[in-house]
C-alpha atoms as a PDB file:
ATOM      1  CA  MET A   1     121.810 213.210  57.906  1.00  0.00           C
ATOM      2  CA  SER A   2     122.826 210.574  60.851  1.00  0.00           C
ATOM      3  CA  LYS A   3     122.195 211.482  64.498  1.00  0.00           C
ATOM      4  CA  GLU A   4     124.442 210.636  67.767  1.00  0.00           C
ATOM      5  CA  PRO A   5     122.548 208.814  70.311  1.00  0.00           C
ATOM      6  CA  LEU A   6     120.955 211.194  72.323  1.00  0.00           C
ATOM      7  CA  GLY A   7     123.357 210.582  75.375  1.00  0.00           C
ATOM      8  CA  PHE A   8     121.896 207.748  77.266  1.00  0.00           C
ATOM      9  CA  THR A   9     123.288 207.814  80.716  1.00  0.00           C
ATOM     10  CA  PRO A  10     123.572 204.214  82.662  1.00  0.00           C
ATOM     11  CA  ALA A  11     120.676 204.504  85.741  1.00  0.00           C
ATOM     12  CA  PRO A  12     118.076 202.153  86.852  1.00  0.00           C
ATOM     13  CA  LEU A  13     115.260 201.865  84.373  1.00  0.00           C
ATOM     14  CA  ASP A  14     111.695 203.283  86.277  1.00  0.00           C
ATOM     15  CA  ARG A  15     110.300 199.922  87.839  1.00  0.00           C
ATOM     16  CA  GLN A  16     106.669 201.404  86.738  1.00  0.00           C
ATOM     17  CA  ALA A  17     107.219 201.789  83.443  1.00  0.00           C
ATOM     18  CA  THR A  18     105.464 199.978  80.579  1.00  0.00           C
ATOM     19  CA  PHE A  19     108.386 197.230  79.586  1.00  0.00           C
ATOM     20  CA  TYR A  20     107.550 194.965  76.537  1.00  0.00           C
ATOM     21  CA  VAL A  21     109.195 191.279  76.794  1.00  0.00           C
ATOM     22  CA  ALA A  22     108.964 189.908  73.419  1.00  0.00           C
ATOM     23  CA  GLY A  23     108.665 185.871  73.662  1.00  0.00           C
ATOM     24  CA  HIS A  24     107.984 185.939  77.042  1.00  0.00           C
ATOM     25  CA  ARG A  25     107.070 182.576  77.542  1.00  0.00           C
ATOM     26  CA  GLY A  26     109.652 180.949  75.754  1.00  0.00           C
ATOM     27  CA  LEU A  27     113.379 179.746  77.331  1.00  0.00           C
ATOM     28  CA  VAL A  28     115.016 182.838  76.992  1.00  0.00           C
ATOM     29  CA  GLY A  29     111.785 185.259  77.599  1.00  0.00           C
ATOM     30  CA  SER A  30     110.416 183.352  80.744  1.00  0.00           C
ATOM     31  CA  GLY A  31     114.269 183.801  82.333  1.00  0.00           C
ATOM     32  CA  LEU A  32     113.366 187.564  81.700  1.00  0.00           C
ATOM     33  CA  TRP A  33     110.330 187.654  83.024  1.00  0.00           C
ATOM     34  CA  ARG A  34     110.926 186.069  86.246  1.00  0.00           C
ATOM     35  CA  HIS A  35     114.211 188.444  86.666  1.00  0.00           C
ATOM     36  CA  LEU A  36     112.347 191.771  85.616  1.00  0.00           C
ATOM     37  CA  ASP A  37     109.208 190.549  88.060  1.00  0.00           C
ATOM     38  CA  ALA A  38     112.192 189.720  90.682  1.00  0.00           C
ATOM     39  CA  GLU A  39     113.629 192.976  90.395  1.00  0.00           C
ATOM     40  CA  GLY A  40     110.744 195.016  91.127  1.00  0.00           C
ATOM     41  CA  PHE A  41     109.157 195.572  87.265  1.00  0.00           C
ATOM     42  CA  THR A  42     105.189 196.273  87.929  1.00  0.00           C
ATOM     43  CA  GLY A  43     104.626 196.786  84.275  1.00  0.00           C
ATOM     44  CA  LEU A  44     105.329 193.869  82.415  1.00  0.00           C
ATOM     45  CA  VAL A  45     103.702 193.120  79.239  1.00  0.00           C
ATOM     46  CA  GLY A  46     103.653 190.044  77.299  1.00  0.00           C
ATOM     47  CA  ARG A  47     101.371 188.495  74.590  1.00  0.00           C
ATOM     48  CA  THR A  48     101.455 184.755  73.565  1.00  0.00           C
ATOM     49  CA  SER A  49     102.029 183.716  69.776  1.00  0.00           C
ATOM     50  CA  SER A  50      97.740 183.009  69.731  1.00  0.00           C
ATOM     51  CA  GLU A  51      97.310 186.043  71.392  1.00  0.00           C
ATOM     52  CA  LEU A  52      99.801 188.302  68.946  1.00  0.00           C
ATOM     53  CA  ASP A  53     101.421 186.893  66.378  1.00  0.00           C
ATOM     54  CA  LEU A  54     104.766 188.523  65.129  1.00  0.00           C
ATOM     55  CA  LYS A  55     104.672 188.290  62.034  1.00  0.00           C
ATOM     56  CA  ASP A  56     101.306 190.144  61.603  1.00  0.00           C
ATOM     57  CA  ARG A  57     102.934 194.150  60.748  1.00  0.00           C
ATOM     58  CA  PRO A  58      99.466 195.460  60.935  1.00  0.00           C
ATOM     59  CA  ALA A  59      98.711 193.543  64.469  1.00  0.00           C
ATOM     60  CA  VAL A  60     102.074 194.610  65.852  1.00  0.00           C
ATOM     61  CA  PHE A  61     101.853 198.057  64.759  1.00  0.00           C
ATOM     62  CA  ASP A  62      98.283 198.029  66.888  1.00  0.00           C
ATOM     63  CA  PHE A  63      99.807 196.264  69.797  1.00  0.00           C
ATOM     64  CA  PHE A  64     102.469 199.043  70.308  1.00  0.00           C
ATOM     65  CA  ARG A  65     100.165 201.806  69.756  1.00  0.00           C
ATOM     66  CA  GLU A  66      97.591 200.335  72.685  1.00  0.00           C
ATOM     67  CA  THR A  67     100.172 199.716  75.184  1.00  0.00           C
ATOM     68  CA  LYS A  68     102.966 202.306  74.759  1.00  0.00           C
ATOM     69  CA  PRO A  69     106.099 200.326  75.823  1.00  0.00           C
ATOM     70  CA  ARG A  70     108.706 202.357  76.940  1.00  0.00           C
ATOM     71  CA  TYR A  71     111.327 199.827  77.050  1.00  0.00           C
ATOM     72  CA  VAL A  72     111.107 196.287  75.058  1.00  0.00           C
ATOM     73  CA  ILE A  73     113.738 193.205  75.135  1.00  0.00           C
ATOM     74  CA  LEU A  74     113.176 191.554  71.962  1.00  0.00           C
ATOM     75  CA  ALA A  75     113.909 187.696  72.732  1.00  0.00           C
ATOM     76  CA  ALA A  76     111.029 186.305  70.080  1.00  0.00           C
ATOM     77  CA  ALA A  77     112.562 183.920  67.513  1.00  0.00           C
ATOM     78  CA  LYS A  78     111.800 181.094  65.630  1.00  0.00           C
ATOM     79  CA  VAL A  79     114.269 178.659  67.534  1.00  0.00           C
ATOM     80  CA  GLY A  80     115.525 175.156  66.568  1.00  0.00           C
ATOM     81  CA  GLY A  81     118.768 172.470  66.594  1.00  0.00           C
ATOM     82  CA  ILE A  82     120.884 171.892  63.509  1.00  0.00           C
ATOM     83  CA  LEU A  83     118.511 169.519  62.017  1.00  0.00           C
ATOM     84  CA  ALA A  84     115.610 172.106  61.822  1.00  0.00           C
ATOM     85  CA  ASN A  85     118.253 174.985  60.691  1.00  0.00           C
ATOM     86  CA  ASP A  86     119.265 172.823  58.233  1.00  0.00           C
ATOM     87  CA  THR A  87     115.827 171.546  56.716  1.00  0.00           C
ATOM     88  CA  TYR A  88     114.127 174.677  57.144  1.00  0.00           C
ATOM     89  CA  PRO A  89     116.437 177.362  55.897  1.00  0.00           C
ATOM     90  CA  ALA A  90     113.954 179.535  54.532  1.00  0.00           C
ATOM     91  CA  ASP A  91     111.524 179.138  57.285  1.00  0.00           C
ATOM     92  CA  PHE A  92     114.334 180.713  59.498  1.00  0.00           C
ATOM     93  CA  LEU A  93     115.447 183.181  57.662  1.00  0.00           C
ATOM     94  CA  THR A  94     112.020 185.132  56.227  1.00  0.00           C
ATOM     95  CA  GLU A  95     109.926 184.312  60.017  1.00  0.00           C
ATOM     96  CA  ASN A  96     112.667 185.898  62.194  1.00  0.00           C
ATOM     97  CA  LEU A  97     113.388 188.886  59.774  1.00  0.00           C
ATOM     98  CA  GLN A  98     109.730 189.438  59.992  1.00  0.00           C
ATOM     99  CA  ILE A  99     109.489 189.271  63.853  1.00  0.00           C
ATOM    100  CA  GLN A 100     112.384 191.719  63.624  1.00  0.00           C
ATOM    101  CA  LEU A 101     111.322 194.211  61.679  1.00  0.00           C
ATOM    102  CA  ASN A 102     107.871 194.295  63.054  1.00  0.00           C
ATOM    103  CA  VAL A 103     108.661 194.603  66.215  1.00  0.00           C
ATOM    104  CA  MET A 104     111.590 197.334  65.957  1.00  0.00           C
ATOM    105  CA  ASP A 105     109.767 199.488  63.264  1.00  0.00           C
ATOM    106  CA  ALA A 106     106.868 199.652  65.956  1.00  0.00           C
ATOM    107  CA  ALA A 107     108.839 200.575  68.443  1.00  0.00           C
ATOM    108  CA  LEU A 108     110.254 203.318  66.758  1.00  0.00           C
ATOM    109  CA  GLU A 109     107.071 204.205  65.702  1.00  0.00           C
ATOM    110  CA  GLN A 110     106.347 204.625  69.553  1.00  0.00           C
ATOM    111  CA  GLY A 111     109.476 206.084  69.970  1.00  0.00           C
ATOM    112  CA  VAL A 112     110.577 203.656  72.692  1.00  0.00           C
ATOM    113  CA  GLU A 113     113.406 204.714  74.626  1.00  0.00           C
ATOM    114  CA  ARG A 114     115.412 201.525  75.415  1.00  0.00           C
ATOM    115  CA  LEU A 115     115.185 198.635  73.472  1.00  0.00           C
ATOM    116  CA  LEU A 116     117.502 195.291  73.905  1.00  0.00           C
ATOM    117  CA  PHE A 117     117.883 193.269  70.816  1.00  0.00           C
ATOM    118  CA  LEU A 118     119.105 189.520  71.708  1.00  0.00           C
ATOM    119  CA  GLY A 119     120.631 187.352  69.148  1.00  0.00           C
ATOM    120  CA  SER A 120     122.881 184.367  69.271  1.00  0.00           C
ATOM    121  CA  SER A 121     126.773 183.195  68.754  1.00  0.00           C
ATOM    122  CA  CYS A 122     125.702 181.478  65.804  1.00  0.00           C
ATOM    123  CA  ILE A 123     126.408 184.946  64.344  1.00  0.00           C
ATOM    124  CA  TYR A 124     130.129 184.232  64.073  1.00  0.00           C
ATOM    125  CA  PRO A 125     132.054 182.989  61.515  1.00  0.00           C
ATOM    126  CA  LYS A 126     132.687 179.120  61.348  1.00  0.00           C
ATOM    127  CA  TYR A 127     136.694 179.419  61.961  1.00  0.00           C
ATOM    128  CA  ALA A 128     136.618 182.526  64.508  1.00  0.00           C
ATOM    129  CA  GLU A 129     139.347 182.995  66.336  1.00  0.00           C
ATOM    130  CA  GLN A 130     138.388 181.389  69.860  1.00  0.00           C
ATOM    131  CA  PRO A 131     137.652 183.251  72.015  1.00  0.00           C
ATOM    132  CA  ILE A 132     135.490 185.091  70.302  1.00  0.00           C
ATOM    133  CA  ASN A 133     135.567 188.823  69.928  1.00  0.00           C
ATOM    134  CA  GLU A 134     132.629 191.106  68.888  1.00  0.00           C
ATOM    135  CA  ASP A 135     135.183 192.407  66.018  1.00  0.00           C
ATOM    136  CA  SER A 136     135.144 189.191  64.373  1.00  0.00           C
ATOM    137  CA  LEU A 137     131.747 189.692  63.151  1.00  0.00           C
ATOM    138  CA  LEU A 138     131.056 189.651  59.447  1.00  0.00           C
ATOM    139  CA  THR A 139     135.159 188.429  59.052  1.00  0.00           C
ATOM    140  CA  GLY A 140     134.585 184.924  57.259  1.00  0.00           C
ATOM    141  CA  HIS A 141     131.987 182.234  56.747  1.00  0.00           C
ATOM    142  CA  LEU A 142     129.313 181.397  58.661  1.00  0.00           C
ATOM    143  CA  GLU A 143     127.799 177.576  59.570  1.00  0.00           C
ATOM    144  CA  PRO A 144     126.286 176.229  56.561  1.00  0.00           C
ATOM    145  CA  THR A 145     123.780 174.097  59.231  1.00  0.00           C
ATOM    146  CA  ASN A 146     121.914 177.572  60.536  1.00  0.00           C
ATOM    147  CA  ASP A 147     123.784 180.366  58.319  1.00  0.00           C
ATOM    148  CA  ALA A 148     119.830 181.235  57.455  1.00  0.00           C
ATOM    149  CA  TYR A 149     119.069 181.731  60.942  1.00  0.00           C
ATOM    150  CA  ALA A 150     122.915 183.593  61.671  1.00  0.00           C
ATOM    151  CA  VAL A 151     121.616 186.186  58.861  1.00  0.00           C
ATOM    152  CA  ALA A 152     118.518 187.071  60.307  1.00  0.00           C
ATOM    153  CA  LYS A 153     120.474 187.977  63.423  1.00  0.00           C
ATOM    154  CA  ILE A 154     122.832 189.935  62.031  1.00  0.00           C
ATOM    155  CA  ALA A 155     120.310 191.793  60.453  1.00  0.00           C
ATOM    156  CA  GLY A 156     118.747 192.729  63.620  1.00  0.00           C
ATOM    157  CA  ILE A 157     122.102 194.196  65.183  1.00  0.00           C
ATOM    158  CA  MET A 158     122.361 195.983  61.580  1.00  0.00           C
ATOM    159  CA  GLN A 159     118.556 197.506  62.512  1.00  0.00           C
ATOM    160  CA  VAL A 160     119.742 198.751  65.927  1.00  0.00           C
ATOM    161  CA  GLN A 161     122.762 200.452  64.280  1.00  0.00           C
ATOM    162  CA  ALA A 162     120.705 201.806  61.400  1.00  0.00           C
ATOM    163  CA  VAL A 163     117.955 203.301  64.617  1.00  0.00           C
ATOM    164  CA  ARG A 164     120.682 204.592  66.172  1.00  0.00           C
ATOM    165  CA  ARG A 165     122.608 206.500  63.573  1.00  0.00           C
ATOM    166  CA  GLN A 166     119.626 208.054  61.708  1.00  0.00           C
ATOM    167  CA  HIS A 167     117.348 208.108  64.695  1.00  0.00           C
ATOM    168  CA  GLY A 168     119.154 209.028  67.841  1.00  0.00           C
ATOM    169  CA  LEU A 169     117.905 205.737  69.980  1.00  0.00           C
ATOM    170  CA  PRO A 170     120.218 204.201  72.959  1.00  0.00           C
ATOM    171  CA  TRP A 171     118.958 200.646  71.670  1.00  0.00           C
ATOM    172  CA  ILE A 172     121.646 198.056  72.050  1.00  0.00           C
ATOM    173  CA  SER A 173     121.975 194.125  71.126  1.00  0.00           C
ATOM    174  CA  ALA A 174     123.547 191.610  72.747  1.00  0.00           C
ATOM    175  CA  MET A 175     124.280 188.035  71.862  1.00  0.00           C
ATOM    176  CA  PRO A 176     124.304 184.951  74.120  1.00  0.00           C
ATOM    177  CA  THR A 177     126.447 181.683  74.064  1.00  0.00           C
ATOM    178  CA  ASN A 178     124.714 178.424  74.326  1.00  0.00           C
ATOM    179  CA  LEU A 179     121.627 178.709  76.869  1.00  0.00           C
ATOM    180  CA  TYR A 180     119.608 175.889  78.586  1.00  0.00           C
ATOM    181  CA  GLY A 181     117.402 176.331  82.119  1.00  0.00           C
ATOM    182  CA  PRO A 182     113.872 175.883  82.978  1.00  0.00           C
ATOM    183  CA  GLY A 183     111.600 175.792  79.727  1.00  0.00           C
ATOM    184  CA  ASP A 184     114.301 174.344  77.482  1.00  0.00           C
ATOM    185  CA  ASN A 185     113.199 172.671  74.315  1.00  0.00           C
ATOM    186  CA  PHE A 186     113.508 168.814  75.505  1.00  0.00           C
ATOM    187  CA  SER A 187     111.913 167.039  72.097  1.00  0.00           C
ATOM    188  CA  PRO A 188     114.165 164.818  70.306  1.00  0.00           C
ATOM    189  CA  GLN A 189     114.073 167.048  66.873  1.00  0.00           C
ATOM    190  CA  GLY A 190     114.540 170.081  67.994  1.00  0.00           C
ATOM    191  CA  SER A 191     116.731 170.275  71.591  1.00  0.00           C
ATOM    192  CA  HIS A 192     120.389 171.140  71.705  1.00  0.00           C
ATOM    193  CA  VAL A 193     122.961 169.304  73.256  1.00  0.00           C
ATOM    194  CA  LEU A 194     122.553 169.690  76.815  1.00  0.00           C
ATOM    195  CA  PRO A 195     119.072 169.074  77.225  1.00  0.00           C
ATOM    196  CA  ALA A 196     119.311 166.208  74.310  1.00  0.00           C
ATOM    197  CA  LEU A 197     121.799 164.927  76.755  1.00  0.00           C
ATOM    198  CA  ILE A 198     120.109 165.593  80.308  1.00  0.00           C
ATOM    199  CA  LYS A 199     116.899 163.534  78.524  1.00  0.00           C
ATOM    200  CA  ARG A 200     119.118 160.836  77.148  1.00  0.00           C
ATOM    201  CA  TYR A 201     120.889 160.235  80.881  1.00  0.00           C
ATOM    202  CA  ASP A 202     117.424 160.782  82.595  1.00  0.00           C
ATOM    203  CA  GLU A 203     115.784 158.337  81.036  1.00  0.00           C
ATOM    204  CA  ALA A 204     118.959 155.757  80.912  1.00  0.00           C
ATOM    205  CA  ALA A 205     119.075 156.289  84.506  1.00  0.00           C
ATOM    206  CA  GLN A 206     114.981 155.775  85.441  1.00  0.00           C
ATOM    207  CA  ALA A 207     115.266 152.194  83.112  1.00  0.00           C
ATOM    208  CA  GLY A 208     118.315 151.230  84.484  1.00  0.00           C
ATOM    209  CA  HIS A 209     119.789 150.990  80.822  1.00  0.00           C
ATOM    210  CA  GLU A 210     123.693 150.035  81.251  1.00  0.00           C
ATOM    211  CA  VAL A 211     124.830 151.994  78.214  1.00  0.00           C
ATOM    212  CA  VAL A 212     124.135 155.357  77.123  1.00  0.00           C
ATOM    213  CA  THR A 213     125.576 156.045  73.348  1.00  0.00           C
ATOM    214  CA  ASN A 214     126.443 159.836  72.378  1.00  0.00           C
ATOM    215  CA  TRP A 215     127.828 161.240  69.220  1.00  0.00           C
ATOM    216  CA  GLY A 216     131.299 161.875  68.235  1.00  0.00           C
ATOM    217  CA  THR A 217     134.320 161.601  70.624  1.00  0.00           C
ATOM    218  CA  GLY A 218     132.939 164.091  73.319  1.00  0.00           C
ATOM    219  CA  ALA A 219     136.000 166.183  72.867  1.00  0.00           C
ATOM    220  CA  PRO A 220     135.100 169.982  71.667  1.00  0.00           C
ATOM    221  CA  ARG A 221     134.570 172.337  74.137  1.00  0.00           C
ATOM    222  CA  ARG A 222     131.198 174.272  74.347  1.00  0.00           C
ATOM    223  CA  GLU A 223     130.325 177.222  76.858  1.00  0.00           C
ATOM    224  CA  PHE A 224     126.807 177.382  78.635  1.00  0.00           C
ATOM    225  CA  LEU A 225     124.677 179.946  80.198  1.00  0.00           C
ATOM    226  CA  HIS A 226     121.952 179.496  82.456  1.00  0.00           C
ATOM    227  CA  VAL A 227     119.042 181.463  81.060  1.00  0.00           C
ATOM    228  CA  ASP A 228     118.631 183.325  85.046  1.00  0.00           C
ATOM    229  CA  ASP A 229     122.290 184.541  83.863  1.00  0.00           C
ATOM    230  CA  LEU A 230     121.444 186.174  80.785  1.00  0.00           C
ATOM    231  CA  ALA A 231     118.354 187.845  82.325  1.00  0.00           C
ATOM    232  CA  SER A 232     120.599 189.642  84.864  1.00  0.00           C
ATOM    233  CA  ALA A 233     123.369 190.383  82.101  1.00  0.00           C
ATOM    234  CA  SER A 234     120.494 191.696  79.928  1.00  0.00           C
ATOM    235  CA  LEU A 235     118.687 194.150  82.525  1.00  0.00           C
ATOM    236  CA  HIS A 236     122.512 194.913  83.826  1.00  0.00           C
ATOM    237  CA  LEU A 237     123.156 196.347  80.163  1.00  0.00           C
ATOM    238  CA  MET A 238     119.991 198.005  79.789  1.00  0.00           C
ATOM    239  CA  GLU A 239     120.935 200.180  83.027  1.00  0.00           C
ATOM    240  CA  HIS A 240     124.451 200.114  82.314  1.00  0.00           C
ATOM    241  CA  PHE A 241     125.770 200.042  78.824  1.00  0.00           C
ATOM    242  CA  ASP A 242     125.190 202.334  75.859  1.00  0.00           C
ATOM    243  CA  GLY A 243     127.303 201.720  72.378  1.00  0.00           C
ATOM    244  CA  PRO A 244     126.657 200.367  68.490  1.00  0.00           C
ATOM    245  CA  GLN A 245     128.810 197.244  68.560  1.00  0.00           C
ATOM    246  CA  GLN A 246     126.588 193.798  70.135  1.00  0.00           C
ATOM    247  CA  VAL A 247     128.072 192.655  73.305  1.00  0.00           C
ATOM    248  CA  ASN A 248     128.353 188.888  73.843  1.00  0.00           C
ATOM    249  CA  VAL A 249     126.827 187.512  76.811  1.00  0.00           C
ATOM    250  CA  GLY A 250     128.636 184.390  78.103  1.00  0.00           C
ATOM    251  CA  THR A 251     130.358 183.008  81.300  1.00  0.00           C
ATOM    252  CA  GLY A 252     133.903 183.178  79.670  1.00  0.00           C
ATOM    253  CA  THR A 253     134.901 179.187  80.374  1.00  0.00           C
ATOM    254  CA  ASP A 254     134.396 176.063  78.326  1.00  0.00           C
ATOM    255  CA  VAL A 255     133.843 172.240  78.925  1.00  0.00           C
ATOM    256  CA  THR A 256     134.346 169.092  77.047  1.00  0.00           C
ATOM    257  CA  ILE A 257     130.739 167.555  75.780  1.00  0.00           C
ATOM    258  CA  LYS A 258     132.406 164.438  77.938  1.00  0.00           C
ATOM    259  CA  GLU A 259     132.462 166.636  80.753  1.00  0.00           C
ATOM    260  CA  ILE A 260     129.016 167.624  80.511  1.00  0.00           C
ATOM    261  CA  ALA A 261     127.802 164.040  79.696  1.00  0.00           C
ATOM    262  CA  GLU A 262     129.936 162.950  83.033  1.00  0.00           C
ATOM    263  CA  THR A 263     128.282 165.603  85.303  1.00  0.00           C
ATOM    264  CA  ILE A 264     124.859 164.632  83.910  1.00  0.00           C
ATOM    265  CA  GLY A 265     124.853 161.034  84.458  1.00  0.00           C
ATOM    266  CA  LYS A 266     126.145 161.658  88.237  1.00  0.00           C
ATOM    267  CA  ILE A 267     123.489 164.210  88.701  1.00  0.00           C
ATOM    268  CA  VAL A 268     120.739 161.934  87.476  1.00  0.00           C
ATOM    269  CA  ASP A 269     122.317 159.123  89.055  1.00  0.00           C
ATOM    270  CA  PHE A 270     123.288 156.750  86.130  1.00  0.00           C
ATOM    271  CA  ARG A 271     125.043 153.644  87.040  1.00  0.00           C
ATOM    272  CA  GLY A 272     126.102 152.409  83.612  1.00  0.00           C
ATOM    273  CA  GLU A 273     128.619 153.224  81.095  1.00  0.00           C
ATOM    274  CA  THR A 274     128.884 156.061  78.491  1.00  0.00           C
ATOM    275  CA  GLU A 275     130.034 155.330  75.180  1.00  0.00           C
ATOM    276  CA  TRP A 276     131.195 157.236  72.256  1.00  0.00           C
ATOM    277  CA  ASP A 277     129.967 156.604  68.447  1.00  0.00           C
ATOM    278  CA  THR A 278     133.111 158.241  66.458  1.00  0.00           C
ATOM    279  CA  SER A 279     131.753 157.231  63.115  1.00  0.00           C
ATOM    280  CA  LYS A 280     129.111 160.423  63.835  1.00  0.00           C
ATOM    281  CA  PRO A 281     130.799 163.759  63.574  1.00  0.00           C
ATOM    282  CA  ASP A 282     131.750 166.319  66.412  1.00  0.00           C
ATOM    283  CA  GLY A 283     130.856 169.644  64.677  1.00  0.00           C
ATOM    284  CA  THR A 284     133.385 172.620  65.414  1.00  0.00           C
ATOM    285  CA  PRO A 285     135.862 171.634  68.005  1.00  0.00           C
ATOM    286  CA  GLN A 286     135.626 175.055  70.433  1.00  0.00           C
ATOM    287  CA  LYS A 287     132.480 177.351  70.690  1.00  0.00           C
ATOM    288  CA  LEU A 288     133.829 180.438  73.385  1.00  0.00           C
ATOM    289  CA  LEU A 289     132.917 183.856  73.589  1.00  0.00           C
ATOM    290  CA  ASP A 290     135.421 186.742  74.329  1.00  0.00           C
ATOM    291  CA  VAL A 291     133.258 188.433  77.662  1.00  0.00           C
ATOM    292  CA  SER A 292     135.681 190.878  78.396  1.00  0.00           C
ATOM    293  CA  LYS A 293     133.418 194.066  76.496  1.00  0.00           C
ATOM    294  CA  LEU A 294     130.627 192.539  79.143  1.00  0.00           C
ATOM    295  CA  GLU A 295     132.703 192.710  82.250  1.00  0.00           C
ATOM    296  CA  ALA A 296     134.340 196.103  81.899  1.00  0.00           C
ATOM    297  CA  ALA A 297     130.162 196.894  81.756  1.00  0.00           C
ATOM    298  CA  GLY A 298     130.569 195.457  85.326  1.00  0.00           C
ATOM    299  CA  TRP A 299     128.645 191.934  84.886  1.00  0.00           C
ATOM    300  CA  THR A 300     129.738 188.608  84.986  1.00  0.00           C
ATOM    301  CA  ALA A 301     128.332 185.148  85.494  1.00  0.00           C
ATOM    302  CA  GLN A 302     127.111 183.700  88.761  1.00  0.00           C
ATOM    303  CA  ILE A 303     125.364 180.200  88.271  1.00  0.00           C
ATOM    304  CA  SER A 304     128.192 177.825  87.974  1.00  0.00           C
ATOM    305  CA  LEU A 305     127.072 174.804  85.384  1.00  0.00           C
ATOM    306  CA  GLU A 306     126.627 172.217  88.239  1.00  0.00           C
ATOM    307  CA  ASP A 307     124.429 173.941  89.886  1.00  0.00           C
ATOM    308  CA  GLY A 308     122.905 174.913  86.946  1.00  0.00           C
ATOM    309  CA  LEU A 309     122.157 171.975  85.458  1.00  0.00           C
ATOM    310  CA  ARG A 310     121.184 170.896  88.883  1.00  0.00           C
ATOM    311  CA  SER A 311     118.165 173.322  88.869  1.00  0.00           C
ATOM    312  CA  THR A 312     117.237 172.385  85.149  1.00  0.00           C
ATOM    313  CA  ILE A 313     116.901 168.528  85.757  1.00  0.00           C
ATOM    314  CA  GLU A 314     114.933 169.288  88.514  1.00  0.00           C
ATOM    315  CA  TRP A 315     112.734 171.353  86.194  1.00  0.00           C
ATOM    316  CA  TYR A 316     112.561 169.049  83.773  1.00  0.00           C
ATOM    317  CA  ARG A 317     111.359 166.018  86.045  1.00  0.00           C
ATOM    318  CA  GLY A 318     108.950 168.061  87.296  1.00  0.00           C
ATOM    319  CA  HIS A 319     107.815 168.846  83.572  1.00  0.00           C
ATOM    320  CA  LYS A 320     108.541 165.880  81.471  1.00  0.00           C
ATOM    321  CA  ALA A 321     104.987 164.660  81.521  1.00  0.00           C
ATOM    322  CA  SER A 322     103.610 167.837  79.962  1.00  0.00           C
ATOM    323  CA  LEU A 323     106.817 168.143  77.632  1.00  0.00           C
ATOM    324  CA  ARG A 324     107.311 167.367  73.758  1.00  0.00           C
ATOM    325  CA  THR A 325     108.576 164.335  72.920  1.00  0.00           C
END
């Protein structure tokens, strides 16, 4: 017989409790770690992939038995851009399912009190009505270039819901929009649109190039959320929200790719012209999340896009010598 979740009462999490951040070295995980540390959590636990392979089921169970975390945020995942997702769909499906199953099964064995599973807005149908509401899940076909990754993340949502129904634990899921910030992937093969534009315009500005050429028309609209805002939203949801349905996490506003390019060009002091190669595809015209559920839970984004871009570009310039190229 199914159990109702065990009466979660919104309250501050225990700052001294053991708190495992899975994937704490990645873009999302490092943002979570910074925020939780600033919020006074003294029992943060993280392991690099070389220290703990989350695809290794016995090792994951041993880790949970040893550390016995009270709280978990599952931010670890195999991620990549369109090219990587389209080229290696089996890897993206298999590895993400393994990570999720191992971490959540081990957390269940230890009775982890509060777990947040972080997914991605790519779980929604390619042609979902804009802005995308949480109810759009499983109502249409996925974007073919990243459907394997999306299916893995949908499975994670379902696993959280199944644990709630069968075991009564008040675990939750959140689906962030396009993310950026310190620690992003700026490699040509693995980067998403925003870090790719930062790298392109910064290099052009440094070299004194007169022209930067971008794909498409620049007309598609995208929503971007700074990872520090995601970290803030994640803790807020863990302390104030309970429910089986995933929660969208975003800003509720979007901009065109052309506007993003112009802003980045201004920040890096690019003096040349931008051309648009309209023979290349634009992709989905718009991808904007409905964040009314998040706002009803009491949270809204605080970091403006321009401020977030400035800090990200500053971080990139300070670290680019050691970044993947």
